């Protein structure tokens, strides 16, 4: 159909979403058309993984890289849509939707659309309940207890999330983001709070600053690495709560063993 001229417009536009999923044979077939396209045809190849596209395809395209949208812009966009649709909402609810969107307009609108049909008034609590996300105070408490190597406290925090029906994968993801932000503040200082943190409101920024003051870079980076790996493993776990609890206990006990070995090495060096 590509060779036929458009009937009512100047151009025919073909949008191929997730183009990196095409097979080798499909790319070869597409290449023949892209090499010598008719003047009235435009192809738009959309993908989040351009590295998977053959170089023969990439070399014949004009590439546009889209950046993530800020949480502030996402919140304004969701609010405009809710206002146009007559949906009642709380300001902190759209801010939470924007943070959960993580810079993606599509993801933020998908969450917003789901919530529209689930409640008459969209509040912050409704967003957390229906998305399975944990509240920022609970995430900060879990981080602090893990960093302080308080096994009982960390397990109690996870138990609280589980009893409230929170997604363990979402909790691990939020904890990873929190640890990353703490590491940035610890490394750079308070200057990072203004523009170097990801998905952070004012209250969370204060908790992050407090966590950064209390713990070392070594402890923070260990948590970041451990929960980043746990977030990936939770996608395939048949018992997410046990998986997350195991990750916490292994992290804390492993840290204690490392510290003990380090003390022994230092003592041996002094004696020698």
C-alpha atoms as a PDB file:
ATOM      1  CA  UNK A   1       0.000   0.000   0.000  1.00  0.00           C
ATOM      2  CA  UNK A   2       3.003   2.309   0.443  1.00  0.00           C
ATOM      3  CA  UNK A   3       3.361   2.946  -3.280  1.00  0.00           C
ATOM      4  CA  UNK A   4      -0.171   4.333  -3.635  1.00  0.00           C
ATOM      5  CA  UNK A   5      -0.561   8.087  -3.268  1.00  0.00           C
ATOM      6  CA  UNK A   6      -2.634   9.476  -0.372  1.00  0.00           C
ATOM      7  CA  UNK A   7      -6.238  10.386  -1.110  1.00  0.00           C
ATOM      8  CA  UNK A   8      -6.969  13.340   1.170  1.00  0.00           C
ATOM      9  CA  UNK A   9      -3.627  14.457   2.647  1.00  0.00           C
ATOM     10  CA  UNK A  10      -0.171  15.354   1.427  1.00  0.00           C
ATOM     11  CA  UNK A  11       1.571  12.454   3.170  1.00  0.00           C
ATOM     12  CA  UNK A  12       0.932   8.909   4.262  1.00  0.00           C
ATOM     13  CA  UNK A  13       2.378   8.375   7.747  1.00  0.00           C
ATOM     14  CA  UNK A  14       3.152   4.889   9.056  1.00  0.00           C
ATOM     15  CA  UNK A  15       3.922   4.609  12.770  1.00  0.00           C
ATOM     16  CA  UNK A  16       5.640   1.396  13.865  1.00  0.00           C
ATOM     17  CA  UNK A  17       5.676   1.231  17.661  1.00  0.00           C
ATOM     18  CA  UNK A  18       8.181  -0.989  19.529  1.00  0.00           C
ATOM     19  CA  UNK A  19      10.041  -1.335  16.254  1.00  0.00           C
ATOM     20  CA  UNK A  20      12.951  -3.149  17.945  1.00  0.00           C
ATOM     21  CA  UNK A  21      10.666  -6.206  18.188  1.00  0.00           C
ATOM     22  CA  UNK A  22      10.690  -6.753  14.409  1.00  0.00           C
ATOM     23  CA  UNK A  23      12.404  -9.903  13.163  1.00  0.00           C
ATOM     24  CA  UNK A  24      15.452  -9.838  10.930  1.00  0.00           C
ATOM     25  CA  UNK A  25      13.329 -10.727   7.916  1.00  0.00           C
ATOM     26  CA  UNK A  26      10.887  -7.930   8.707  1.00  0.00           C
ATOM     27  CA  UNK A  27      13.723  -5.400   8.968  1.00  0.00           C
ATOM     28  CA  UNK A  28      15.096  -6.532   5.623  1.00  0.00           C
ATOM     29  CA  UNK A  29      11.680  -6.147   4.014  1.00  0.00           C
ATOM     30  CA  UNK A  30      11.266  -2.702   5.551  1.00  0.00           C
ATOM     31  CA  UNK A  31      14.752  -1.681   4.452  1.00  0.00           C
ATOM     32  CA  UNK A  32      13.869  -2.080   0.795  1.00  0.00           C
ATOM     33  CA  UNK A  33      11.151   0.551   1.160  1.00  0.00           C
ATOM     34  CA  UNK A  34      13.159   2.872   3.412  1.00  0.00           C
ATOM     35  CA  UNK A  35      16.116   2.868   0.988  1.00  0.00           C
ATOM     36  CA  UNK A  36      13.991   4.411  -1.777  1.00  0.00           C
ATOM     37  CA  UNK A  37      10.791   5.715  -0.170  1.00  0.00           C
ATOM     38  CA  UNK A  38       8.099   7.431  -2.246  1.00  0.00           C
ATOM     39  CA  UNK A  39       7.971  11.189  -1.704  1.00  0.00           C
ATOM     40  CA  UNK A  40       4.514  10.960  -0.138  1.00  0.00           C
ATOM     41  CA  UNK A  41       5.471   8.472   2.622  1.00  0.00           C
ATOM     42  CA  UNK A  42       6.854   9.084   6.103  1.00  0.00           C
ATOM     43  CA  UNK A  43       7.799   6.278   8.502  1.00  0.00           C
ATOM     44  CA  UNK A  44       7.939   6.942  12.245  1.00  0.00           C
ATOM     45  CA  UNK A  45       9.825   4.203  14.091  1.00  0.00           C
ATOM     46  CA  UNK A  46       9.221   4.380  17.835  1.00  0.00           C
ATOM     47  CA  UNK A  47      11.329   2.443  20.326  1.00  0.00           C
ATOM     48  CA  UNK A  48      12.813   2.615  23.814  1.00  0.00           C
ATOM     49  CA  UNK A  49      15.753   0.431  22.757  1.00  0.00           C
ATOM     50  CA  UNK A  50      17.354   1.988  19.633  1.00  0.00           C
ATOM     51  CA  UNK A  51      20.516  -0.075  20.142  1.00  0.00           C
ATOM     52  CA  UNK A  52      18.565  -3.151  19.000  1.00  0.00           C
ATOM     53  CA  UNK A  53      17.853  -1.661  15.566  1.00  0.00           C
ATOM     54  CA  UNK A  54      20.123  -2.723  12.672  1.00  0.00           C
ATOM     55  CA  UNK A  55      22.626  -0.068  11.646  1.00  0.00           C
ATOM     56  CA  UNK A  56      21.274  -0.249   8.097  1.00  0.00           C
ATOM     57  CA  UNK A  57      17.932   1.037   9.421  1.00  0.00           C
ATOM     58  CA  UNK A  58      19.381   3.642  11.793  1.00  0.00           C
ATOM     59  CA  UNK A  59      21.623   5.127   9.105  1.00  0.00           C
ATOM     60  CA  UNK A  60      18.562   5.944   6.994  1.00  0.00           C
ATOM     61  CA  UNK A  61      16.617   7.664   9.774  1.00  0.00           C
ATOM     62  CA  UNK A  62      16.589  11.065  11.397  1.00  0.00           C
ATOM     63  CA  UNK A  63      16.841  10.310  15.114  1.00  0.00           C
ATOM     64  CA  UNK A  64      14.989  12.211  17.826  1.00  0.00           C
ATOM     65  CA  UNK A  65      15.715  11.298  21.454  1.00  0.00           C
ATOM     66  CA  UNK A  66      12.928  12.278  23.842  1.00  0.00           C
ATOM     67  CA  UNK A  67      13.787  13.118  27.431  1.00  0.00           C
ATOM     68  CA  UNK A  68      11.795  12.268  30.533  1.00  0.00           C
ATOM     69  CA  UNK A  69       9.279  14.879  31.642  1.00  0.00           C
ATOM     70  CA  UNK A  70       9.662  16.493  35.064  1.00  0.00           C
ATOM     71  CA  UNK A  71       7.276  15.511  37.847  1.00  0.00           C
ATOM     72  CA  UNK A  72       6.040  19.116  38.013  1.00  0.00           C
ATOM     73  CA  UNK A  73       5.037  19.136  34.338  1.00  0.00           C
ATOM     74  CA  UNK A  74       3.430  15.706  34.622  1.00  0.00           C
ATOM     75  CA  UNK A  75       1.393  16.837  37.637  1.00  0.00           C
ATOM     76  CA  UNK A  76       0.161  19.910  35.751  1.00  0.00           C
ATOM     77  CA  UNK A  77      -0.739  17.765  32.741  1.00  0.00           C
ATOM     78  CA  UNK A  78      -2.699  15.237  34.816  1.00  0.00           C
ATOM     79  CA  UNK A  79      -4.468  18.088  36.637  1.00  0.00           C
ATOM     80  CA  UNK A  80      -5.495  19.689  33.315  1.00  0.00           C
ATOM     81  CA  UNK A  81      -6.978  16.405  32.137  1.00  0.00           C
ATOM     82  CA  UNK A  82      -8.815  15.826  35.413  1.00  0.00           C
ATOM     83  CA  UNK A  83     -10.196  19.379  35.288  1.00  0.00           C
ATOM     84  CA  UNK A  84     -11.393  18.876  31.708  1.00  0.00           C
ATOM     85  CA  UNK A  85     -13.042  15.576  32.635  1.00  0.00           C
ATOM     86  CA  UNK A  86     -14.635  16.981  35.800  1.00  0.00           C
ATOM     87  CA  UNK A  87     -12.738  14.595  38.075  1.00  0.00           C
ATOM     88  CA  UNK A  88     -12.375  15.601  41.726  1.00  0.00           C
ATOM     89  CA  UNK A  89      -8.848  15.250  43.096  1.00  0.00           C
ATOM     90  CA  UNK A  90      -6.471  16.430  45.796  1.00  0.00           C
ATOM     91  CA  UNK A  91      -3.336  18.335  44.712  1.00  0.00           C
ATOM     92  CA  UNK A  92      -1.014  15.874  46.474  1.00  0.00           C
ATOM     93  CA  UNK A  93      -2.751  13.030  44.612  1.00  0.00           C
ATOM     94  CA  UNK A  94      -1.742  14.292  41.159  1.00  0.00           C
ATOM     95  CA  UNK A  95       1.765  14.944  42.477  1.00  0.00           C
ATOM     96  CA  UNK A  96       1.996  11.311  43.581  1.00  0.00           C
ATOM     97  CA  UNK A  97       0.677  10.140  40.192  1.00  0.00           C
ATOM     98  CA  UNK A  98       3.387  12.218  38.523  1.00  0.00           C
ATOM     99  CA  UNK A  99       6.098  10.702  40.744  1.00  0.00           C
ATOM    100  CA  UNK A 100       4.844   7.182  40.010  1.00  0.00           C
ATOM    101  CA  UNK A 101       4.972   7.985  36.278  1.00  0.00           C
ATOM    102  CA  UNK A 102       8.771   8.411  36.638  1.00  0.00           C
ATOM    103  CA  UNK A 103       9.006  10.908  33.804  1.00  0.00           C
ATOM    104  CA  UNK A 104       6.814   8.960  31.356  1.00  0.00           C
ATOM    105  CA  UNK A 105       3.672  10.751  30.173  1.00  0.00           C
ATOM    106  CA  UNK A 106       2.150   7.475  29.004  1.00  0.00           C
ATOM    107  CA  UNK A 107       2.704   5.728  32.342  1.00  0.00           C
ATOM    108  CA  UNK A 108       1.393   8.695  34.334  1.00  0.00           C
ATOM    109  CA  UNK A 109      -1.757   8.901  32.207  1.00  0.00           C
ATOM    110  CA  UNK A 110      -2.303   5.146  32.465  1.00  0.00           C
ATOM    111  CA  UNK A 111      -2.246   5.443  36.267  1.00  0.00           C
ATOM    112  CA  UNK A 112      -4.480   8.522  36.154  1.00  0.00           C
ATOM    113  CA  UNK A 113      -6.971   6.764  33.875  1.00  0.00           C
ATOM    114  CA  UNK A 114      -7.149   3.716  36.155  1.00  0.00           C
ATOM    115  CA  UNK A 115      -7.797   5.892  39.197  1.00  0.00           C
ATOM    116  CA  UNK A 116     -10.565   7.834  37.441  1.00  0.00           C
ATOM    117  CA  UNK A 117     -12.791   4.780  37.350  1.00  0.00           C
ATOM    118  CA  UNK A 118     -11.881   3.565  40.837  1.00  0.00           C
ATOM    119  CA  UNK A 119     -12.892   6.436  43.130  1.00  0.00           C
ATOM    120  CA  UNK A 120     -15.207   9.451  43.178  1.00  0.00           C
ATOM    121  CA  UNK A 121     -12.520  11.658  44.720  1.00  0.00           C
ATOM    122  CA  UNK A 122      -8.869  10.867  44.039  1.00  0.00           C
ATOM    123  CA  UNK A 123      -6.817  11.441  47.179  1.00  0.00           C
ATOM    124  CA  UNK A 124      -3.213  10.676  48.037  1.00  0.00           C
ATOM    125  CA  UNK A 125      -4.334   7.640  50.049  1.00  0.00           C
ATOM    126  CA  UNK A 126      -6.385   6.344  47.099  1.00  0.00           C
ATOM    127  CA  UNK A 127      -3.351   6.599  44.810  1.00  0.00           C
ATOM    128  CA  UNK A 128      -1.131   4.676  47.231  1.00  0.00           C
ATOM    129  CA  UNK A 129      -3.790   2.033  47.874  1.00  0.00           C
ATOM    130  CA  UNK A 130      -4.711   1.324  44.261  1.00  0.00           C
ATOM    131  CA  UNK A 131      -1.165   1.419  42.851  1.00  0.00           C
ATOM    132  CA  UNK A 132       0.347  -0.689  45.631  1.00  0.00           C
ATOM    133  CA  UNK A 133       2.968   1.965  46.344  1.00  0.00           C
ATOM    134  CA  UNK A 134       4.323   2.626  49.817  1.00  0.00           C
ATOM    135  CA  UNK A 135       4.124   5.997  51.540  1.00  0.00           C
ATOM    136  CA  UNK A 136       7.315   8.057  51.605  1.00  0.00           C
ATOM    137  CA  UNK A 137       7.527   7.999  55.414  1.00  0.00           C
ATOM    138  CA  UNK A 138       7.339   4.195  55.455  1.00  0.00           C
ATOM    139  CA  UNK A 139      10.001   3.905  52.751  1.00  0.00           C
ATOM    140  CA  UNK A 140      12.295   6.243  54.715  1.00  0.00           C
ATOM    141  CA  UNK A 141      11.739   4.201  57.887  1.00  0.00           C
ATOM    142  CA  UNK A 142      12.562   0.941  56.088  1.00  0.00           C
ATOM    143  CA  UNK A 143      15.749   2.475  54.682  1.00  0.00           C
ATOM    144  CA  UNK A 144      16.867   3.844  58.049  1.00  0.00           C
ATOM    145  CA  UNK A 145      16.236   0.562  59.863  1.00  0.00           C
ATOM    146  CA  UNK A 146      18.070  -1.409  57.190  1.00  0.00           C
ATOM    147  CA  UNK A 147      21.007   1.013  57.196  1.00  0.00           C
ATOM    148  CA  UNK A 148      21.100   0.860  61.014  1.00  0.00           C
ATOM    149  CA  UNK A 149      21.187  -2.960  60.715  1.00  0.00           C
ATOM    150  CA  UNK A 150      18.012  -3.318  62.753  1.00  0.00           C
ATOM    151  CA  UNK A 151      16.698  -6.674  61.477  1.00  0.00           C
ATOM    152  CA  UNK A 152      13.562  -6.651  63.640  1.00  0.00           C
ATOM    153  CA  UNK A 153      12.724  -3.070  62.705  1.00  0.00           C
ATOM    154  CA  UNK A 154      13.229  -3.674  58.984  1.00  0.00           C
ATOM    155  CA  UNK A 155      11.081  -6.821  59.026  1.00  0.00           C
ATOM    156  CA  UNK A 156       8.349  -4.977  60.943  1.00  0.00           C
ATOM    157  CA  UNK A 157       8.382  -2.255  58.290  1.00  0.00           C
ATOM    158  CA  UNK A 158       7.974  -4.852  55.521  1.00  0.00           C
ATOM    159  CA  UNK A 159       5.193  -6.491  57.534  1.00  0.00           C
ATOM    160  CA  UNK A 160       3.395  -3.140  57.661  1.00  0.00           C
ATOM    161  CA  UNK A 161       3.590  -2.791  53.883  1.00  0.00           C
ATOM    162  CA  UNK A 162       2.336  -6.352  53.392  1.00  0.00           C
ATOM    163  CA  UNK A 163      -0.639  -5.888  55.747  1.00  0.00           C
ATOM    164  CA  UNK A 164      -1.652  -2.760  53.822  1.00  0.00           C
ATOM    165  CA  UNK A 165      -1.567  -4.687  50.547  1.00  0.00           C
ATOM    166  CA  UNK A 166       1.461  -2.918  49.108  1.00  0.00           C
ATOM    167  CA  UNK A 167       3.365  -4.384  46.196  1.00  0.00           C
ATOM    168  CA  UNK A 168       6.748  -5.704  47.325  1.00  0.00           C
ATOM    169  CA  UNK A 169       8.182  -4.917  43.883  1.00  0.00           C
ATOM    170  CA  UNK A 170       6.927  -1.326  44.169  1.00  0.00           C
ATOM    171  CA  UNK A 171       8.379  -1.036  47.675  1.00  0.00           C
ATOM    172  CA  UNK A 172      11.762  -2.306  46.467  1.00  0.00           C
ATOM    173  CA  UNK A 173      11.681   0.125  43.548  1.00  0.00           C
ATOM    174  CA  UNK A 174      10.826   3.062  45.796  1.00  0.00           C
ATOM    175  CA  UNK A 175      13.533   2.060  48.250  1.00  0.00           C
ATOM    176  CA  UNK A 176      16.069   1.918  45.414  1.00  0.00           C
ATOM    177  CA  UNK A 177      15.107   5.449  44.342  1.00  0.00           C
ATOM    178  CA  UNK A 178      15.289   6.631  47.955  1.00  0.00           C
ATOM    179  CA  UNK A 179      18.740   5.088  48.463  1.00  0.00           C
ATOM    180  CA  UNK A 180      19.939   6.670  45.232  1.00  0.00           C
ATOM    181  CA  UNK A 181      18.767  10.086  46.387  1.00  0.00           C
ATOM    182  CA  UNK A 182      20.403   9.621  49.806  1.00  0.00           C
ATOM    183  CA  UNK A 183      23.678   8.662  48.104  1.00  0.00           C
ATOM    184  CA  UNK A 184      23.534  11.783  45.921  1.00  0.00           C
ATOM    185  CA  UNK A 185      22.955  14.064  48.931  1.00  0.00           C
ATOM    186  CA  UNK A 186      25.678  12.271  50.891  1.00  0.00           C
ATOM    187  CA  UNK A 187      28.154  12.687  48.031  1.00  0.00           C
ATOM    188  CA  UNK A 188      27.255  16.156  46.771  1.00  0.00           C
ATOM    189  CA  UNK A 189      25.664  17.828  49.779  1.00  0.00           C
ATOM    190  CA  UNK A 190      22.483  19.831  50.273  1.00  0.00           C
ATOM    191  CA  UNK A 191      22.939  21.478  46.871  1.00  0.00           C
ATOM    192  CA  UNK A 192      21.584  18.275  45.286  1.00  0.00           C
ATOM    193  CA  UNK A 193      18.210  18.681  47.005  1.00  0.00           C
ATOM    194  CA  UNK A 194      17.229  21.479  44.640  1.00  0.00           C
ATOM    195  CA  UNK A 195      17.676  19.725  41.297  1.00  0.00           C
ATOM    196  CA  UNK A 196      19.616  16.480  41.635  1.00  0.00           C
ATOM    197  CA  UNK A 197      16.985  14.235  43.212  1.00  0.00           C
ATOM    198  CA  UNK A 198      14.416  11.998  41.538  1.00  0.00           C
ATOM    199  CA  UNK A 199      10.679  11.975  42.372  1.00  0.00           C
ATOM    200  CA  UNK A 200      10.972  13.903  45.620  1.00  0.00           C
ATOM    201  CA  UNK A 201       8.554  16.224  47.419  1.00  0.00           C
ATOM    202  CA  UNK A 202       9.458  18.614  50.238  1.00  0.00           C
ATOM    203  CA  UNK A 203       8.791  16.180  53.099  1.00  0.00           C
ATOM    204  CA  UNK A 204      10.727  13.378  51.423  1.00  0.00           C
ATOM    205  CA  UNK A 205      13.664  15.722  50.774  1.00  0.00           C
ATOM    206  CA  UNK A 206      13.883  16.432  54.514  1.00  0.00           C
ATOM    207  CA  UNK A 207      13.890  12.693  55.290  1.00  0.00           C
ATOM    208  CA  UNK A 208      16.574  12.088  52.660  1.00  0.00           C
ATOM    209  CA  UNK A 209      18.772  14.805  54.171  1.00  0.00           C
ATOM    210  CA  UNK A 210      18.352  13.234  57.620  1.00  0.00           C
ATOM    211  CA  UNK A 211      19.264   9.759  56.313  1.00  0.00           C
ATOM    212  CA  UNK A 212      22.329  11.126  54.524  1.00  0.00           C
ATOM    213  CA  UNK A 213      23.614  12.642  57.761  1.00  0.00           C
ATOM    214  CA  UNK A 214      23.225   9.408  59.734  1.00  0.00           C
ATOM    215  CA  UNK A 215      24.815   6.806  57.454  1.00  0.00           C
ATOM    216  CA  UNK A 216      28.050   6.266  55.533  1.00  0.00           C
ATOM    217  CA  UNK A 217      28.491   6.095  51.768  1.00  0.00           C
ATOM    218  CA  UNK A 218      29.450   2.422  52.164  1.00  0.00           C
ATOM    219  CA  UNK A 219      26.192   1.524  53.914  1.00  0.00           C
ATOM    220  CA  UNK A 220      24.061   3.553  51.499  1.00  0.00           C
ATOM    221  CA  UNK A 221      25.678   2.128  48.362  1.00  0.00           C
ATOM    222  CA  UNK A 222      25.317  -1.416  49.719  1.00  0.00           C
ATOM    223  CA  UNK A 223      21.568  -0.888  50.189  1.00  0.00           C
ATOM    224  CA  UNK A 224      21.252   0.644  46.731  1.00  0.00           C
ATOM    225  CA  UNK A 225      22.997  -2.317  45.113  1.00  0.00           C
ATOM    226  CA  UNK A 226      21.083  -4.941  47.099  1.00  0.00           C
ATOM    227  CA  UNK A 227      17.594  -3.549  46.575  1.00  0.00           C
ATOM    228  CA  UNK A 228      18.278  -2.806  42.926  1.00  0.00           C
ATOM    229  CA  UNK A 229      18.971  -6.514  42.455  1.00  0.00           C
ATOM    230  CA  UNK A 230      15.945  -7.450  44.597  1.00  0.00           C
ATOM    231  CA  UNK A 231      13.658  -5.274  42.470  1.00  0.00           C
ATOM    232  CA  UNK A 232      14.636  -7.284  39.399  1.00  0.00           C
ATOM    233  CA  UNK A 233      14.264 -10.656  41.151  1.00  0.00           C
ATOM    234  CA  UNK A 234      10.849  -9.793  42.591  1.00  0.00           C
ATOM    235  CA  UNK A 235       9.342  -9.773  39.098  1.00  0.00           C
ATOM    236  CA  UNK A 236       9.730 -13.566  38.950  1.00  0.00           C
ATOM    237  CA  UNK A 237       9.239 -14.463  42.612  1.00  0.00           C
ATOM    238  CA  UNK A 238       6.239 -16.613  43.619  1.00  0.00           C
ATOM    239  CA  UNK A 239       6.428 -15.223  47.174  1.00  0.00           C
ATOM    240  CA  UNK A 240       7.516 -11.562  46.926  1.00  0.00           C
ATOM    241  CA  UNK A 241       7.324 -10.853  50.670  1.00  0.00           C
ATOM    242  CA  UNK A 242       9.651 -13.717  51.594  1.00  0.00           C
ATOM    243  CA  UNK A 243      12.015 -12.718  48.784  1.00  0.00           C
ATOM    244  CA  UNK A 244      12.222  -9.124  50.039  1.00  0.00           C
ATOM    245  CA  UNK A 245      12.611 -10.172  53.681  1.00  0.00           C
ATOM    246  CA  UNK A 246      15.393 -12.571  52.727  1.00  0.00           C
ATOM    247  CA  UNK A 247      17.166  -9.817  50.805  1.00  0.00           C
ATOM    248  CA  UNK A 248      17.015  -7.530  53.861  1.00  0.00           C
ATOM    249  CA  UNK A 249      18.317 -10.178  56.291  1.00  0.00           C
ATOM    250  CA  UNK A 250      21.132 -11.217  53.928  1.00  0.00           C
ATOM    251  CA  UNK A 251      22.103  -7.583  53.439  1.00  0.00           C
ATOM    252  CA  UNK A 252      22.242  -6.812  57.173  1.00  0.00           C
ATOM    253  CA  UNK A 253      23.977 -10.048  58.215  1.00  0.00           C
ATOM    254  CA  UNK A 254      26.407  -9.800  55.314  1.00  0.00           C
ATOM    255  CA  UNK A 255      27.306  -6.257  56.357  1.00  0.00           C
ATOM    256  CA  UNK A 256      28.003  -7.425  59.906  1.00  0.00           C
ATOM    257  CA  UNK A 257      30.311 -10.201  58.647  1.00  0.00           C
ATOM    258  CA  UNK A 258      32.174  -7.772  56.394  1.00  0.00           C
ATOM    259  CA  UNK A 259      32.707  -5.375  59.285  1.00  0.00           C
ATOM    260  CA  UNK A 260      34.022  -8.186  61.481  1.00  0.00           C
ATOM    261  CA  UNK A 261      36.476  -9.297  58.799  1.00  0.00           C
ATOM    262  CA  UNK A 262      37.591  -5.709  58.267  1.00  0.00           C
ATOM    263  CA  UNK A 263      38.276  -5.310  61.994  1.00  0.00           C
ATOM    264  CA  UNK A 264      40.363  -8.509  61.984  1.00  0.00           C
ATOM    265  CA  UNK A 265      42.375  -7.337  58.998  1.00  0.00           C
ATOM    266  CA  UNK A 266      43.065  -3.977  60.634  1.00  0.00           C
ATOM    267  CA  UNK A 267      44.131  -5.726  63.859  1.00  0.00           C
ATOM    268  CA  UNK A 268      46.499  -8.027  61.933  1.00  0.00           C
ATOM    269  CA  UNK A 269      48.022  -5.051  60.094  1.00  0.00           C
ATOM    270  CA  UNK A 270      48.667  -3.253  63.394  1.00  0.00           C
ATOM    271  CA  UNK A 271      50.246  -6.327  64.962  1.00  0.00           C
ATOM    272  CA  UNK A 272      52.487  -6.909  61.984  1.00  0.00           C
END
